[in-house]
N, C-alpha and C. Protein backbone atom coordinates (compact mmCIF):
# COMPACT_ATOMS: atom_id res chain seq x y z
N MET A 1 0.85 -1.18 0.00
CA MET A 1 0.00 0.00 0.00
C MET A 1 0.90 1.24 0.00
N ASN A 2 0.55 2.21 -0.82
CA ASN A 2 1.26 3.49 -0.86
C ASN A 2 0.42 4.53 -0.14
N ILE A 3 0.95 5.01 0.97
CA ILE A 3 0.21 5.93 1.83
C ILE A 3 0.84 7.31 1.76
N ALA A 4 0.02 8.28 1.39
CA ALA A 4 0.48 9.68 1.34
C ALA A 4 0.03 10.39 2.61
N ILE A 5 0.91 11.21 3.13
CA ILE A 5 0.58 12.07 4.26
C ILE A 5 0.70 13.50 3.77
N TYR A 6 -0.40 14.25 3.91
CA TYR A 6 -0.35 15.66 3.51
C TYR A 6 -0.53 16.53 4.74
N GLN A 7 0.29 17.56 4.83
CA GLN A 7 0.18 18.52 5.94
C GLN A 7 0.46 19.92 5.42
N TYR A 8 -0.35 20.84 5.86
CA TYR A 8 -0.15 22.26 5.55
C TYR A 8 0.05 22.98 6.87
N HIS A 9 1.01 23.89 6.89
CA HIS A 9 1.29 24.64 8.11
C HIS A 9 1.50 26.10 7.78
N ARG A 10 0.71 26.95 8.43
CA ARG A 10 0.92 28.40 8.32
C ARG A 10 1.90 28.82 9.40
N SER A 11 2.72 29.79 9.11
CA SER A 11 3.74 30.22 10.07
C SER A 11 3.13 30.85 11.31
N ASP A 12 1.88 31.32 11.24
CA ASP A 12 1.28 31.93 12.41
C ASP A 12 0.49 30.91 13.25
N THR A 13 0.51 29.63 12.84
CA THR A 13 -0.18 28.59 13.60
C THR A 13 0.68 28.21 14.80
N ARG A 14 0.05 28.13 15.95
CA ARG A 14 0.76 27.74 17.16
C ARG A 14 0.02 26.59 17.83
N SER A 15 0.77 25.80 18.57
CA SER A 15 0.16 24.72 19.32
C SER A 15 -0.77 25.30 20.37
N GLN A 16 -1.88 24.64 20.63
CA GLN A 16 -2.81 25.11 21.64
C GLN A 16 -2.24 24.91 23.04
N ASP A 17 -1.35 23.96 23.20
CA ASP A 17 -0.82 23.65 24.53
C ASP A 17 0.44 24.43 24.86
N ILE A 18 1.37 24.45 23.95
CA ILE A 18 2.63 25.16 24.19
C ILE A 18 3.06 25.86 22.91
N ASN A 19 3.87 26.86 23.04
CA ASN A 19 4.38 27.58 21.88
C ASN A 19 5.49 26.76 21.24
N GLN A 20 5.18 26.08 20.16
CA GLN A 20 6.14 25.22 19.49
C GLN A 20 6.56 25.85 18.16
N SER A 21 7.73 25.48 17.71
CA SER A 21 8.18 25.96 16.41
C SER A 21 7.36 25.30 15.32
N GLY A 22 7.28 25.95 14.17
CA GLY A 22 6.55 25.40 13.04
C GLY A 22 7.07 24.05 12.62
N GLU A 23 8.39 23.89 12.62
CA GLU A 23 8.99 22.62 12.24
C GLU A 23 8.56 21.50 13.19
N HIS A 24 8.53 21.80 14.47
CA HIS A 24 8.11 20.79 15.45
C HIS A 24 6.64 20.42 15.24
N LEU A 25 5.79 21.41 14.98
CA LEU A 25 4.37 21.14 14.75
C LEU A 25 4.16 20.26 13.52
N ILE A 26 4.90 20.54 12.46
CA ILE A 26 4.78 19.74 11.24
C ILE A 26 5.21 18.30 11.51
N LEU A 27 6.35 18.12 12.15
CA LEU A 27 6.83 16.77 12.44
C LEU A 27 5.85 16.03 13.35
N SER A 28 5.27 16.72 14.29
CA SER A 28 4.29 16.12 15.19
C SER A 28 3.05 15.67 14.41
N ALA A 29 2.57 16.52 13.50
CA ALA A 29 1.39 16.19 12.70
C ALA A 29 1.67 15.00 11.79
N VAL A 30 2.83 14.98 11.16
CA VAL A 30 3.20 13.87 10.28
C VAL A 30 3.28 12.57 11.08
N THR A 31 3.86 12.64 12.26
CA THR A 31 3.96 11.46 13.13
C THR A 31 2.58 10.95 13.52
N MET A 32 1.67 11.87 13.86
CA MET A 32 0.30 11.46 14.20
C MET A 32 -0.36 10.74 13.02
N CYS A 33 -0.16 11.26 11.82
CA CYS A 33 -0.75 10.65 10.63
C CYS A 33 -0.18 9.25 10.40
N LYS A 34 1.12 9.14 10.51
CA LYS A 34 1.75 7.83 10.30
C LYS A 34 1.31 6.84 11.37
N ASP A 35 1.22 7.28 12.62
CA ASP A 35 0.75 6.41 13.70
C ASP A 35 -0.67 5.92 13.44
N LYS A 36 -1.53 6.80 12.94
CA LYS A 36 -2.92 6.42 12.63
C LYS A 36 -2.94 5.38 11.52
N ALA A 37 -2.12 5.58 10.50
CA ALA A 37 -2.07 4.63 9.39
C ALA A 37 -1.57 3.26 9.87
N ILE A 38 -0.57 3.24 10.72
CA ILE A 38 -0.05 1.98 11.25
C ILE A 38 -1.12 1.30 12.11
N GLU A 39 -1.83 2.09 12.89
CA GLU A 39 -2.91 1.54 13.72
C GLU A 39 -3.98 0.87 12.86
N LEU A 40 -4.33 1.50 11.76
CA LEU A 40 -5.39 0.97 10.89
C LEU A 40 -4.94 -0.12 9.94
N PHE A 41 -3.73 0.02 9.39
CA PHE A 41 -3.31 -0.86 8.31
C PHE A 41 -2.09 -1.72 8.61
N GLY A 42 -1.47 -1.52 9.76
CA GLY A 42 -0.28 -2.29 10.11
C GLY A 42 0.98 -1.72 9.50
N MET A 43 2.05 -2.45 9.70
CA MET A 43 3.37 -2.01 9.23
C MET A 43 3.61 -2.46 7.79
N GLY A 44 4.74 -2.05 7.24
CA GLY A 44 5.17 -2.57 5.94
C GLY A 44 4.64 -1.84 4.73
N HIS A 45 4.24 -0.59 4.88
CA HIS A 45 3.74 0.17 3.75
C HIS A 45 4.73 1.27 3.38
N ARG A 46 4.57 1.80 2.17
CA ARG A 46 5.41 2.93 1.75
C ARG A 46 4.70 4.22 2.14
N TYR A 47 5.46 5.14 2.68
CA TYR A 47 4.91 6.43 3.10
C TYR A 47 5.56 7.55 2.30
N TYR A 48 4.73 8.46 1.83
CA TYR A 48 5.21 9.63 1.11
C TYR A 48 4.66 10.86 1.82
N GLN A 49 5.52 11.83 2.03
CA GLN A 49 5.12 13.04 2.74
C GLN A 49 5.05 14.22 1.79
N TYR A 50 3.97 14.96 1.91
CA TYR A 50 3.75 16.18 1.13
C TYR A 50 3.47 17.28 2.15
N ILE A 51 4.41 18.19 2.31
CA ILE A 51 4.28 19.22 3.34
C ILE A 51 4.40 20.60 2.71
N ASP A 52 3.35 21.40 2.87
CA ASP A 52 3.36 22.78 2.40
C ASP A 52 3.46 23.71 3.60
N THR A 53 4.21 24.77 3.42
CA THR A 53 4.29 25.86 4.41
C THR A 53 4.13 27.17 3.65
N ASP A 54 3.81 28.23 4.37
CA ASP A 54 3.63 29.54 3.71
C ASP A 54 4.81 29.91 2.82
N ASN A 55 6.01 29.65 3.34
CA ASN A 55 7.18 30.11 2.60
C ASN A 55 7.48 29.26 1.36
N LYS A 56 6.75 28.17 1.15
CA LYS A 56 6.91 27.36 -0.06
C LYS A 56 5.80 27.63 -1.07
N MET A 57 4.80 28.41 -0.67
CA MET A 57 3.67 28.65 -1.55
C MET A 57 3.97 29.80 -2.51
N VAL A 58 3.35 29.74 -3.67
CA VAL A 58 3.55 30.79 -4.66
C VAL A 58 2.20 31.44 -4.96
N GLN A 59 2.23 32.73 -5.25
CA GLN A 59 0.99 33.45 -5.53
C GLN A 59 0.41 32.98 -6.86
N SER A 60 -0.89 32.79 -6.86
CA SER A 60 -1.60 32.33 -8.05
C SER A 60 -1.61 33.40 -9.13
N ASP A 61 -1.44 32.97 -10.37
CA ASP A 61 -1.52 33.91 -11.49
C ASP A 61 -2.97 34.25 -11.83
N CYS A 62 -3.89 33.35 -11.51
CA CYS A 62 -5.27 33.56 -11.95
C CYS A 62 -6.21 34.04 -10.85
N MET A 63 -5.81 33.94 -9.59
CA MET A 63 -6.68 34.40 -8.51
C MET A 63 -5.93 35.36 -7.60
N LYS A 64 -6.34 36.60 -7.59
CA LYS A 64 -5.68 37.62 -6.79
C LYS A 64 -5.76 37.26 -5.30
N GLY A 65 -4.62 37.30 -4.63
CA GLY A 65 -4.57 37.02 -3.20
C GLY A 65 -4.57 35.55 -2.84
N ALA A 66 -4.70 34.67 -3.84
CA ALA A 66 -4.70 33.23 -3.57
C ALA A 66 -3.29 32.68 -3.76
N TYR A 67 -3.06 31.57 -3.11
CA TYR A 67 -1.75 30.93 -3.20
C TYR A 67 -1.91 29.49 -3.66
N VAL A 68 -0.91 29.02 -4.35
CA VAL A 68 -0.86 27.64 -4.81
C VAL A 68 0.03 26.87 -3.84
N ARG A 69 -0.44 25.74 -3.42
CA ARG A 69 0.35 24.88 -2.54
C ARG A 69 1.08 23.85 -3.41
N PRO A 70 2.37 24.02 -3.60
CA PRO A 70 3.11 23.15 -4.52
C PRO A 70 3.04 21.66 -4.16
N LYS A 71 3.12 21.33 -2.90
CA LYS A 71 3.08 19.92 -2.50
C LYS A 71 1.69 19.32 -2.67
N LEU A 72 0.66 20.13 -2.48
CA LEU A 72 -0.70 19.64 -2.74
C LEU A 72 -0.86 19.37 -4.23
N GLU A 73 -0.33 20.27 -5.06
CA GLU A 73 -0.36 20.05 -6.52
C GLU A 73 0.39 18.77 -6.89
N GLU A 74 1.54 18.55 -6.27
CA GLU A 74 2.33 17.33 -6.51
C GLU A 74 1.53 16.09 -6.09
N LEU A 75 0.86 16.17 -4.93
CA LEU A 75 0.03 15.07 -4.46
C LEU A 75 -1.07 14.76 -5.46
N LEU A 76 -1.73 15.78 -6.00
CA LEU A 76 -2.80 15.57 -6.97
C LEU A 76 -2.29 14.87 -8.22
N VAL A 77 -1.11 15.23 -8.66
CA VAL A 77 -0.50 14.58 -9.83
C VAL A 77 -0.21 13.11 -9.51
N ASP A 78 0.37 12.86 -8.33
CA ASP A 78 0.69 11.47 -7.95
C ASP A 78 -0.57 10.63 -7.81
N ILE A 79 -1.64 11.22 -7.30
CA ILE A 79 -2.92 10.50 -7.22
C ILE A 79 -3.39 10.17 -8.63
N ASN A 80 -3.34 11.12 -9.53
CA ASN A 80 -3.77 10.92 -10.91
C ASN A 80 -2.96 9.82 -11.60
N GLU A 81 -1.68 9.72 -11.24
CA GLU A 81 -0.81 8.71 -11.85
C GLU A 81 -0.90 7.36 -11.15
N GLY A 82 -1.78 7.23 -10.14
CA GLY A 82 -1.98 5.97 -9.46
C GLY A 82 -0.92 5.60 -8.44
N LYS A 83 -0.15 6.58 -7.98
CA LYS A 83 0.93 6.32 -7.03
C LYS A 83 0.48 6.32 -5.57
N VAL A 84 -0.80 6.66 -5.32
CA VAL A 84 -1.30 6.78 -3.95
C VAL A 84 -2.55 5.93 -3.80
N ASP A 85 -2.57 5.08 -2.75
CA ASP A 85 -3.74 4.27 -2.42
C ASP A 85 -4.57 4.90 -1.31
N THR A 86 -3.88 5.53 -0.36
CA THR A 86 -4.51 6.07 0.83
C THR A 86 -3.89 7.42 1.15
N LEU A 87 -4.73 8.36 1.56
CA LEU A 87 -4.27 9.67 1.99
C LEU A 87 -4.62 9.85 3.45
N VAL A 88 -3.63 10.24 4.25
CA VAL A 88 -3.85 10.48 5.67
C VAL A 88 -3.53 11.94 5.96
N VAL A 89 -4.46 12.62 6.61
CA VAL A 89 -4.28 14.02 7.03
C VAL A 89 -4.68 14.13 8.50
N THR A 90 -4.22 15.18 9.16
CA THR A 90 -4.61 15.36 10.55
C THR A 90 -6.11 15.66 10.63
N TYR A 91 -6.59 16.54 9.78
CA TYR A 91 -8.00 16.90 9.69
C TYR A 91 -8.21 17.56 8.34
N MET A 92 -9.46 17.71 7.92
CA MET A 92 -9.72 18.22 6.57
C MET A 92 -9.24 19.66 6.39
N GLY A 93 -9.16 20.43 7.47
CA GLY A 93 -8.65 21.79 7.38
C GLY A 93 -7.19 21.84 6.96
N ALA A 94 -6.48 20.72 7.08
CA ALA A 94 -5.09 20.67 6.61
C ALA A 94 -5.04 20.68 5.09
N VAL A 95 -6.15 20.29 4.46
CA VAL A 95 -6.23 20.30 3.00
C VAL A 95 -6.72 21.65 2.52
N ALA A 96 -7.81 22.12 3.13
CA ALA A 96 -8.39 23.41 2.72
C ALA A 96 -9.42 23.85 3.76
N SER A 97 -9.69 25.14 3.76
CA SER A 97 -10.74 25.65 4.64
C SER A 97 -12.02 25.95 3.86
N ASP A 98 -11.93 25.92 2.56
CA ASP A 98 -13.08 26.18 1.70
C ASP A 98 -13.87 24.89 1.49
N TYR A 99 -15.14 24.88 1.89
CA TYR A 99 -15.96 23.67 1.82
C TYR A 99 -16.14 23.16 0.39
N ASN A 100 -16.27 24.06 -0.56
CA ASN A 100 -16.42 23.63 -1.95
C ASN A 100 -15.18 22.90 -2.43
N PHE A 101 -14.00 23.41 -2.04
CA PHE A 101 -12.76 22.74 -2.43
C PHE A 101 -12.67 21.37 -1.76
N ILE A 102 -13.07 21.29 -0.49
CA ILE A 102 -13.02 20.00 0.22
C ILE A 102 -13.91 18.98 -0.48
N ILE A 103 -15.11 19.37 -0.87
CA ILE A 103 -16.01 18.46 -1.59
C ILE A 103 -15.38 18.04 -2.92
N ALA A 104 -14.84 18.99 -3.67
CA ALA A 104 -14.20 18.67 -4.95
C ALA A 104 -13.00 17.76 -4.74
N PHE A 105 -12.24 18.01 -3.70
CA PHE A 105 -11.07 17.18 -3.38
C PHE A 105 -11.52 15.75 -3.05
N TYR A 106 -12.58 15.62 -2.28
CA TYR A 106 -13.09 14.29 -1.93
C TYR A 106 -13.57 13.55 -3.18
N ILE A 107 -14.26 14.25 -4.05
CA ILE A 107 -14.71 13.63 -5.31
C ILE A 107 -13.51 13.15 -6.12
N TYR A 108 -12.47 13.97 -6.17
CA TYR A 108 -11.24 13.60 -6.89
C TYR A 108 -10.65 12.32 -6.30
N LEU A 109 -10.60 12.23 -4.96
CA LEU A 109 -10.08 11.02 -4.31
C LEU A 109 -10.93 9.80 -4.69
N LYS A 110 -12.25 9.96 -4.66
CA LYS A 110 -13.15 8.86 -5.01
C LYS A 110 -12.94 8.41 -6.45
N GLN A 111 -12.79 9.38 -7.36
CA GLN A 111 -12.59 9.05 -8.78
C GLN A 111 -11.33 8.23 -9.00
N HIS A 112 -10.35 8.40 -8.10
CA HIS A 112 -9.07 7.70 -8.24
C HIS A 112 -8.92 6.56 -7.23
N ASN A 113 -10.03 6.18 -6.59
CA ASN A 113 -10.04 5.07 -5.63
C ASN A 113 -9.02 5.23 -4.51
N VAL A 114 -8.87 6.45 -4.02
CA VAL A 114 -7.96 6.73 -2.92
C VAL A 114 -8.78 6.82 -1.64
N LYS A 115 -8.39 6.03 -0.66
CA LYS A 115 -9.07 6.02 0.64
C LYS A 115 -8.57 7.22 1.44
N LEU A 116 -9.49 7.91 2.09
CA LEU A 116 -9.17 9.07 2.92
C LEU A 116 -9.23 8.67 4.39
N VAL A 117 -8.24 9.12 5.16
CA VAL A 117 -8.19 8.87 6.59
C VAL A 117 -7.78 10.17 7.27
N THR A 118 -8.48 10.51 8.37
CA THR A 118 -8.02 11.63 9.20
C THR A 118 -7.64 11.07 10.55
N VAL A 119 -6.76 11.79 11.25
CA VAL A 119 -6.30 11.33 12.56
C VAL A 119 -7.48 11.20 13.51
N ARG A 120 -8.35 12.18 13.52
CA ARG A 120 -9.47 12.18 14.47
C ARG A 120 -10.54 11.15 14.11
N GLU A 121 -10.97 11.12 12.85
CA GLU A 121 -12.09 10.25 12.45
C GLU A 121 -11.65 8.91 11.88
N GLY A 122 -10.38 8.75 11.59
CA GLY A 122 -9.92 7.50 10.98
C GLY A 122 -10.57 7.33 9.62
N GLU A 123 -10.96 6.11 9.32
CA GLU A 123 -11.63 5.83 8.04
C GLU A 123 -13.07 6.33 8.04
N GLY A 124 -13.60 6.64 9.21
CA GLY A 124 -14.97 7.15 9.33
C GLY A 124 -15.19 8.46 8.61
N ILE A 125 -14.12 9.15 8.26
CA ILE A 125 -14.25 10.43 7.54
C ILE A 125 -14.95 10.21 6.21
N ASN A 126 -14.79 9.02 5.61
CA ASN A 126 -15.42 8.75 4.31
C ASN A 126 -16.94 8.77 4.42
N ASP A 127 -17.48 8.20 5.51
CA ASP A 127 -18.94 8.25 5.72
C ASP A 127 -19.40 9.69 5.91
N MET A 128 -18.64 10.46 6.67
CA MET A 128 -18.98 11.86 6.90
C MET A 128 -18.95 12.64 5.60
N MET A 129 -17.94 12.40 4.78
CA MET A 129 -17.81 13.11 3.50
C MET A 129 -18.92 12.68 2.54
N GLU A 130 -19.32 11.41 2.56
CA GLU A 130 -20.41 10.95 1.70
C GLU A 130 -21.71 11.68 2.06
N LYS A 131 -21.97 11.83 3.35
CA LYS A 131 -23.18 12.55 3.78
C LYS A 131 -23.11 14.02 3.36
N ALA A 132 -21.94 14.62 3.51
CA ALA A 132 -21.77 16.01 3.10
C ALA A 132 -21.94 16.15 1.59
N LEU A 133 -21.44 15.19 0.83
CA LEU A 133 -21.57 15.21 -0.62
C LEU A 133 -23.04 15.07 -1.04
N GLU A 134 -23.77 14.17 -0.38
CA GLU A 134 -25.20 14.02 -0.68
C GLU A 134 -25.94 15.33 -0.40
N GLU A 135 -25.64 15.96 0.71
CA GLU A 135 -26.29 17.22 1.07
C GLU A 135 -25.92 18.31 0.08
N PHE A 136 -24.67 18.34 -0.33
CA PHE A 136 -24.21 19.32 -1.31
C PHE A 136 -24.96 19.15 -2.63
N LYS A 137 -25.07 17.90 -3.09
CA LYS A 137 -25.78 17.63 -4.34
C LYS A 137 -27.25 18.04 -4.25
N LYS A 138 -27.86 17.73 -3.12
CA LYS A 138 -29.27 18.07 -2.93
C LYS A 138 -29.47 19.58 -2.96
N ASN A 139 -28.61 20.31 -2.27
CA ASN A 139 -28.72 21.77 -2.22
C ASN A 139 -28.34 22.43 -3.54
N ALA A 140 -27.48 21.78 -4.31
CA ALA A 140 -27.08 22.33 -5.59
C ALA A 140 -27.98 21.84 -6.73
N ASN A 141 -28.98 21.03 -6.38
CA ASN A 141 -29.89 20.45 -7.37
C ASN A 141 -29.16 19.65 -8.43
N LEU A 142 -28.19 18.85 -8.01
CA LEU A 142 -27.44 18.03 -8.96
C LEU A 142 -28.03 16.64 -9.07
């Protein structure tokens, strides 16, 4: 199994418990994701890390004030090429804060048969996303 871990970190994000450096927070999040994957799927899998930070992002040419996350773009390409079976994130906000993007991202994962796992919900996130997708379709009259 090829397991991708994606994490996004803003430089102004701080730990709720203690003031930690950004690097420490990222490593902690990646470790939590890997631990969750091992808990669910066991040992012996390949892990790929995709980590975006503010200082690695580039301003979008087509959307004023928006930024492109290079590692997220790389992850999308690898998913399209069939290099990823499972994606593990700490929570969906690590992917995006925009609900429309999250729905589109989930649809993309489904189209490529990639299982989604979050640290908090585990594999249960898929049921939650399916319900959100049904509600989205109903409200959008699709």
